[in-house]
Amino acid sequence: MVPRSARMFVLANPLTYLVESFRYALMGIRGTPLWTDALFGVFAVLFAIAGAAFFRRLMPIFSDHE
């Protein structure tokens, strides 16, 4: 139901894929292809690993331990 001119902005929003997954689980209606869920999952795992590595590298600065 999104106009074609705004579709790229909607697909760039990470919450779109979460909402689509819940909508499919509850109502059985899917607006995006199934492979987009897998792609979103891969990006989520990659960003989680990158965030953990970044935090681990900066942990001496954030840590209260001496």
PDB file of N, CA and C in Angstrom:
ATOM      1  N   MET A   1       0.814  -1.185   0.000  1.00  0.00           N
ATOM      2  CA  MET A   1       0.000   0.000   0.000  1.00  0.00           C
ATOM      3  C   MET A   1       0.866   1.261   0.000  1.00  0.00           C
ATOM      4  N   VAL A   2       2.167   1.089  -0.066  1.00  0.00           N
ATOM      5  CA  VAL A   2       3.085   2.229  -0.102  1.00  0.00           C
ATOM      6  C   VAL A   2       3.285   2.637  -1.551  1.00  0.00           C
ATOM      7  N   PRO A   3       3.246   3.948  -1.830  1.00  0.00           N
ATOM      8  CA  PRO A   3       3.491   4.388  -3.207  1.00  0.00           C
ATOM      9  C   PRO A   3       4.879   3.946  -3.685  1.00  0.00           C
ATOM     10  N   ARG A   4       4.994   3.699  -4.959  1.00  0.00           N
ATOM     11  CA  ARG A   4       6.244   3.215  -5.531  1.00  0.00           C
ATOM     12  C   ARG A   4       7.401   4.180  -5.259  1.00  0.00           C
ATOM     13  N   SER A   5       7.128   5.480  -5.222  1.00  0.00           N
ATOM     14  CA  SER A   5       8.185   6.469  -4.998  1.00  0.00           C
ATOM     15  C   SER A   5       8.733   6.414  -3.573  1.00  0.00           C
ATOM     16  N   ALA A   6       7.959   5.918  -2.608  1.00  0.00           N
ATOM     17  CA  ALA A   6       8.397   5.854  -1.214  1.00  0.00           C
ATOM     18  C   ALA A   6       8.818   4.451  -0.787  1.00  0.00           C
ATOM     19  N   ARG A   7       8.710   3.489  -1.672  1.00  0.00           N
ATOM     20  CA  ARG A   7       8.987   2.099  -1.317  1.00  0.00           C
ATOM     21  C   ARG A   7      10.433   1.883  -0.858  1.00  0.00           C
ATOM     22  N   MET A   8      11.405   2.577  -1.471  1.00  0.00           N
ATOM     23  CA  MET A   8      12.807   2.411  -1.084  1.00  0.00           C
ATOM     24  C   MET A   8      13.045   2.885   0.348  1.00  0.00           C
ATOM     25  N   PHE A   9      12.361   3.935   0.769  1.00  0.00           N
ATOM     26  CA  PHE A   9      12.508   4.427   2.137  1.00  0.00           C
ATOM     27  C   PHE A   9      11.934   3.423   3.141  1.00  0.00           C
ATOM     28  N   VAL A  10      10.828   2.825   2.790  1.00  0.00           N
ATOM     29  CA  VAL A  10      10.206   1.833   3.667  1.00  0.00           C
ATOM     30  C   VAL A  10      11.092   0.599   3.770  1.00  0.00           C
ATOM     31  N   LEU A  11      11.635   0.138   2.663  1.00  0.00           N
ATOM     32  CA  LEU A  11      12.483  -1.048   2.683  1.00  0.00           C
ATOM     33  C   LEU A  11      13.822  -0.793   3.375  1.00  0.00           C
ATOM     34  N   ALA A  12      14.252   0.461   3.470  1.00  0.00           N
ATOM     35  CA  ALA A  12      15.491   0.791   4.169  1.00  0.00           C
ATOM     36  C   ALA A  12      15.299   0.828   5.683  1.00  0.00           C
ATOM     37  N   ASN A  13      14.066   0.862   6.131  1.00  0.00           N
ATOM     38  CA  ASN A  13      13.770   0.901   7.562  1.00  0.00           C
ATOM     39  C   ASN A  13      13.831  -0.522   8.126  1.00  0.00           C
ATOM     40  N   PRO A  14      14.713  -0.786   9.107  1.00  0.00           N
ATOM     41  CA  PRO A  14      14.826  -2.141   9.640  1.00  0.00           C
ATOM     42  C   PRO A  14      13.566  -2.639  10.342  1.00  0.00           C
ATOM     43  N   LEU A  15      12.746  -1.758  10.874  1.00  0.00           N
ATOM     44  CA  LEU A  15      11.527  -2.193  11.555  1.00  0.00           C
ATOM     45  C   LEU A  15      10.489  -2.752  10.584  1.00  0.00           C
ATOM     46  N   THR A  16      10.619  -2.410   9.321  1.00  0.00           N
ATOM     47  CA  THR A  16       9.696  -2.937   8.320  1.00  0.00           C
ATOM     48  C   THR A  16       9.699  -4.455   8.337  1.00  0.00           C
ATOM     49  N   TYR A  17      10.877  -5.050   8.421  1.00  0.00           N
ATOM     50  CA  TYR A  17      10.997  -6.500   8.350  1.00  0.00           C
ATOM     51  C   TYR A  17      10.473  -7.172   9.611  1.00  0.00           C
ATOM     52  N   LEU A  18      10.632  -6.525  10.746  1.00  0.00           N
ATOM     53  CA  LEU A  18      10.066  -7.072  11.976  1.00  0.00           C
ATOM     54  C   LEU A  18       8.543  -7.022  11.944  1.00  0.00           C
ATOM     55  N   VAL A  19       8.004  -5.904  11.500  1.00  0.00           N
ATOM     56  CA  VAL A  19       6.549  -5.761  11.415  1.00  0.00           C
ATOM     57  C   VAL A  19       5.987  -6.755  10.400  1.00  0.00           C
ATOM     58  N   GLU A  20       6.663  -6.924   9.275  1.00  0.00           N
ATOM     59  CA  GLU A  20       6.207  -7.878   8.265  1.00  0.00           C
ATOM     60  C   GLU A  20       6.215  -9.305   8.814  1.00  0.00           C
ATOM     61  N   SER A  21       7.222  -9.651   9.598  1.00  0.00           N
ATOM     62  CA  SER A  21       7.287 -10.998  10.176  1.00  0.00           C
ATOM     63  C   SER A  21       6.140 -11.239  11.145  1.00  0.00           C
ATOM     64  N   PHE A  22       5.848 -10.263  11.994  1.00  0.00           N
ATOM     65  CA  PHE A  22       4.733 -10.403  12.932  1.00  0.00           C
ATOM     66  C   PHE A  22       3.395 -10.448  12.189  1.00  0.00           C
ATOM     67  N   ARG A  23       3.273  -9.636  11.152  1.00  0.00           N
ATOM     68  CA  ARG A  23       2.035  -9.637  10.374  1.00  0.00           C
ATOM     69  C   ARG A  23       1.809 -10.990   9.707  1.00  0.00           C
ATOM     70  N   TYR A  24       2.881 -11.575   9.201  1.00  0.00           N
ATOM     71  CA  TYR A  24       2.758 -12.888   8.577  1.00  0.00           C
ATOM     72  C   TYR A  24       2.415 -13.956   9.613  1.00  0.00           C
ATOM     73  N   ALA A  25       3.025 -13.867  10.800  1.00  0.00           N
ATOM     74  CA  ALA A  25       2.747 -14.852  11.847  1.00  0.00           C
ATOM     75  C   ALA A  25       1.314 -14.756  12.350  1.00  0.00           C
ATOM     76  N   LEU A  26       0.770 -13.555  12.437  1.00  0.00           N
ATOM     77  CA  LEU A  26      -0.571 -13.375  12.986  1.00  0.00           C
ATOM     78  C   LEU A  26      -1.678 -13.526  11.948  1.00  0.00           C
ATOM     79  N   MET A  27      -1.448 -12.979  10.738  1.00  0.00           N
ATOM     80  CA  MET A  27      -2.521 -12.949   9.750  1.00  0.00           C
ATOM     81  C   MET A  27      -2.250 -13.772   8.502  1.00  0.00           C
ATOM     82  N   GLY A  28      -1.010 -14.208   8.308  1.00  0.00           N
ATOM     83  CA  GLY A  28      -0.684 -14.976   7.118  1.00  0.00           C
ATOM     84  C   GLY A  28      -0.553 -14.144   5.857  1.00  0.00           C
ATOM     85  N   ILE A  29      -0.402 -12.834   6.011  1.00  0.00           N
ATOM     86  CA  ILE A  29      -0.257 -11.930   4.867  1.00  0.00           C
ATOM     87  C   ILE A  29       1.193 -11.477   4.804  1.00  0.00           C
ATOM     88  N   ARG A  30       1.777 -11.618   3.647  1.00  0.00           N
ATOM     89  CA  ARG A  30       3.181 -11.260   3.493  1.00  0.00           C
ATOM     90  C   ARG A  30       3.299 -10.193   2.409  1.00  0.00           C
ATOM     91  N   GLY A  31       3.982  -9.074   2.732  1.00  0.00           N
ATOM     92  CA  GLY A  31       4.166  -7.995   1.773  1.00  0.00           C
ATOM     93  C   GLY A  31       5.545  -7.983   1.155  1.00  0.00           C
ATOM     94  N   THR A  32       6.493  -8.658   1.787  1.00  0.00           N
ATOM     95  CA  THR A  32       7.856  -8.724   1.268  1.00  0.00           C
ATOM     96  C   THR A  32       8.218 -10.181   1.020  1.00  0.00           C
ATOM     97  N   PRO A  33       9.173 -10.427   0.138  1.00  0.00           N
ATOM     98  CA  PRO A  33       9.587 -11.810  -0.105  1.00  0.00           C
ATOM     99  C   PRO A  33      10.233 -12.435   1.132  1.00  0.00           C
ATOM    100  N   LEU A  34      10.200 -13.747   1.209  1.00  0.00           N
ATOM    101  CA  LEU A  34      10.729 -14.458   2.367  1.00  0.00           C
ATOM    102  C   LEU A  34      12.234 -14.275   2.523  1.00  0.00           C
ATOM    103  N   TRP A  35      12.963 -14.123   1.427  1.00  0.00           N
ATOM    104  CA  TRP A  35      14.411 -13.995   1.519  1.00  0.00           C
ATOM    105  C   TRP A  35      14.822 -12.705   2.236  1.00  0.00           C
ATOM    106  N   THR A  36      13.954 -11.699   2.297  1.00  0.00           N
ATOM    107  CA  THR A  36      14.305 -10.471   2.995  1.00  0.00           C
ATOM    108  C   THR A  36      14.428 -10.707   4.496  1.00  0.00           C
ATOM    109  N   ASP A  37      13.658 -11.665   5.044  1.00  0.00           N
ATOM    110  CA  ASP A  37      13.793 -11.990   6.464  1.00  0.00           C
ATOM    111  C   ASP A  37      15.164 -12.592   6.750  1.00  0.00           C
ATOM    112  N   ALA A  38      15.621 -13.461   5.867  1.00  0.00           N
ATOM    113  CA  ALA A  38      16.944 -14.070   6.037  1.00  0.00           C
ATOM    114  C   ALA A  38      18.032 -13.011   5.922  1.00  0.00           C
ATOM    115  N   LEU A  39      17.882 -12.117   4.977  1.00  0.00           N
ATOM    116  CA  LEU A  39      18.861 -11.047   4.808  1.00  0.00           C
ATOM    117  C   LEU A  39      18.885 -10.137   6.034  1.00  0.00           C
ATOM    118  N   PHE A  40      17.711  -9.815   6.565  1.00  0.00           N
ATOM    119  CA  PHE A  40      17.638  -9.003   7.774  1.00  0.00           C
ATOM    120  C   PHE A  40      18.316  -9.720   8.940  1.00  0.00           C
ATOM    121  N   GLY A  41      18.117 -11.023   9.058  1.00  0.00           N
ATOM    122  CA  GLY A  41      18.744 -11.799  10.121  1.00  0.00           C
ATOM    123  C   GLY A  41      20.255 -11.795  10.013  1.00  0.00           C
ATOM    124  N   VAL A  42      20.774 -11.919   8.798  1.00  0.00           N
ATOM    125  CA  VAL A  42      22.228 -11.896   8.595  1.00  0.00           C
ATOM    126  C   VAL A  42      22.790 -10.537   8.996  1.00  0.00           C
ATOM    127  N   PHE A  43      22.145  -9.467   8.570  1.00  0.00           N
ATOM    128  CA  PHE A  43      22.620  -8.130   8.944  1.00  0.00           C
ATOM    129  C   PHE A  43      22.522  -7.906  10.453  1.00  0.00           C
ATOM    130  N   ALA A  44      21.489  -8.406  11.079  1.00  0.00           N
ATOM    131  CA  ALA A  44      21.340  -8.248  12.523  1.00  0.00           C
ATOM    132  C   ALA A  44      22.472  -8.953  13.261  1.00  0.00           C
ATOM    133  N   VAL A  45      22.818 -10.157  12.821  1.00  0.00           N
ATOM    134  CA  VAL A  45      23.916 -10.895  13.458  1.00  0.00           C
ATOM    135  C   VAL A  45      25.239 -10.177  13.227  1.00  0.00           C
ATOM    136  N   LEU A  46      25.465  -9.691  12.019  1.00  0.00           N
ATOM    137  CA  LEU A  46      26.714  -8.980  11.732  1.00  0.00           C
ATOM    138  C   LEU A  46      26.847  -7.708  12.567  1.00  0.00           C
ATOM    139  N   PHE A  47      25.771  -6.948  12.705  1.00  0.00           N
ATOM    140  CA  PHE A  47      25.816  -5.740  13.511  1.00  0.00           C
ATOM    141  C   PHE A  47      25.983  -6.062  14.990  1.00  0.00           C
ATOM    142  N   ALA A  48      25.404  -7.150  15.459  1.00  0.00           N
ATOM    143  CA  ALA A  48      25.586  -7.560  16.854  1.00  0.00           C
ATOM    144  C   ALA A  48      27.035  -7.938  17.122  1.00  0.00           C
ATOM    145  N   ILE A  49      27.654  -8.657  16.203  1.00  0.00           N
ATOM    146  CA  ILE A  49      29.064  -9.025  16.360  1.00  0.00           C
ATOM    147  C   ILE A  49      29.952  -7.789  16.322  1.00  0.00           C
ATOM    148  N   ALA A  50      29.673  -6.881  15.398  1.00  0.00           N
ATOM    149  CA  ALA A  50      30.460  -5.646  15.310  1.00  0.00           C
ATOM    150  C   ALA A  50      30.295  -4.802  16.567  1.00  0.00           C
ATOM    151  N   GLY A  51      29.088  -4.714  17.093  1.00  0.00           N
ATOM    152  CA  GLY A  51      28.850  -3.951  18.324  1.00  0.00           C
ATOM    153  C   GLY A  51      29.549  -4.568  19.518  1.00  0.00           C
ATOM    154  N   ALA A  52      29.531  -5.900  19.610  1.00  0.00           N
ATOM    155  CA  ALA A  52      30.218  -6.568  20.714  1.00  0.00           C
ATOM    156  C   ALA A  52      31.725  -6.363  20.625  1.00  0.00           C
ATOM    157  N   ALA A  53      32.275  -6.438  19.419  1.00  0.00           N
ATOM    158  CA  ALA A  53      33.713  -6.220  19.241  1.00  0.00           C
ATOM    159  C   ALA A  53      34.091  -4.781  19.583  1.00  0.00           C
ATOM    160  N   PHE A  54      33.266  -3.844  19.168  1.00  0.00           N
ATOM    161  CA  PHE A  54      33.522  -2.434  19.473  1.00  0.00           C
ATOM    162  C   PHE A  54      33.474  -2.189  20.977  1.00  0.00           C
ATOM    163  N   PHE A  55      32.465  -2.749  21.647  1.00  0.00           N
ATOM    164  CA  PHE A  55      32.347  -2.571  23.090  1.00  0.00           C
ATOM    165  C   PHE A  55      33.514  -3.236  23.813  1.00  0.00           C
ATOM    166  N   ARG A  56      33.887  -4.426  23.366  1.00  0.00           N
ATOM    167  CA  ARG A  56      34.998  -5.135  24.007  1.00  0.00           C
ATOM    168  C   ARG A  56      36.296  -4.344  23.853  1.00  0.00           C
ATOM    169  N   ARG A  57      36.489  -3.709  22.709  1.00  0.00           N
ATOM    170  CA  ARG A  57      37.698  -2.909  22.498  1.00  0.00           C
ATOM    171  C   ARG A  57      37.709  -1.676  23.402  1.00  0.00           C
ATOM    172  N   LEU A  58      36.549  -1.090  23.646  1.00  0.00           N
ATOM    173  CA  LEU A  58      36.466   0.115  24.460  1.00  0.00           C
ATOM    174  C   LEU A  58      36.121  -0.170  25.915  1.00  0.00           C
ATOM    175  N   MET A  59      36.031  -1.441  26.302  1.00  0.00           N
ATOM    176  CA  MET A  59      35.622  -1.783  27.657  1.00  0.00           C
ATOM    177  C   MET A  59      36.543  -1.193  28.735  1.00  0.00           C
ATOM    178  N   PRO A  60      37.852  -1.110  28.534  1.00  0.00           N
ATOM    179  CA  PRO A  60      38.669  -0.478  29.585  1.00  0.00           C
ATOM    180  C   PRO A  60      38.260   0.979  29.872  1.00  0.00           C
ATOM    181  N   ILE A  61      37.744   1.663  28.890  1.00  0.00           N
ATOM    182  CA  ILE A  61      37.312   3.048  29.096  1.00  0.00           C
ATOM    183  C   ILE A  61      36.002   3.085  29.870  1.00  0.00           C
ATOM    184  N   PHE A  62      35.072   2.149  29.557  1.00  0.00           N
ATOM    185  CA  PHE A  62      33.757   2.119  30.185  1.00  0.00           C
ATOM    186  C   PHE A  62      33.742   1.408  31.522  1.00  0.00           C
ATOM    187  N   SER A  63      34.717   0.578  31.771  1.00  0.00           N
ATOM    188  CA  SER A  63      34.687  -0.305  32.923  1.00  0.00           C
ATOM    189  C   SER A  63      34.883   0.451  34.229  1.00  0.00           C
ATOM    190  N   ASP A  64      34.185  -0.008  35.278  1.00  0.00           N
ATOM    191  CA  ASP A  64      34.363   0.531  36.619  1.00  0.00           C
ATOM    192  C   ASP A  64      35.450  -0.228  37.378  1.00  0.00           C
ATOM    193  N   HIS A  65      35.893  -1.337  36.813  1.00  0.00           N
ATOM    194  CA  HIS A  65      36.914  -2.150  37.443  1.00  0.00           C
ATOM    195  C   HIS A  65      38.298  -1.554  37.218  1.00  0.00           C
ATOM    196  N   GLU A  66      39.137  -1.693  38.245  1.00  0.00           N
ATOM    197  CA  GLU A  66      40.508  -1.174  38.095  1.00  0.00           C
ATOM    198  C   GLU A  66      41.511  -2.280  38.179  1.00  0.00           C
TER     199      GLU A  66
END
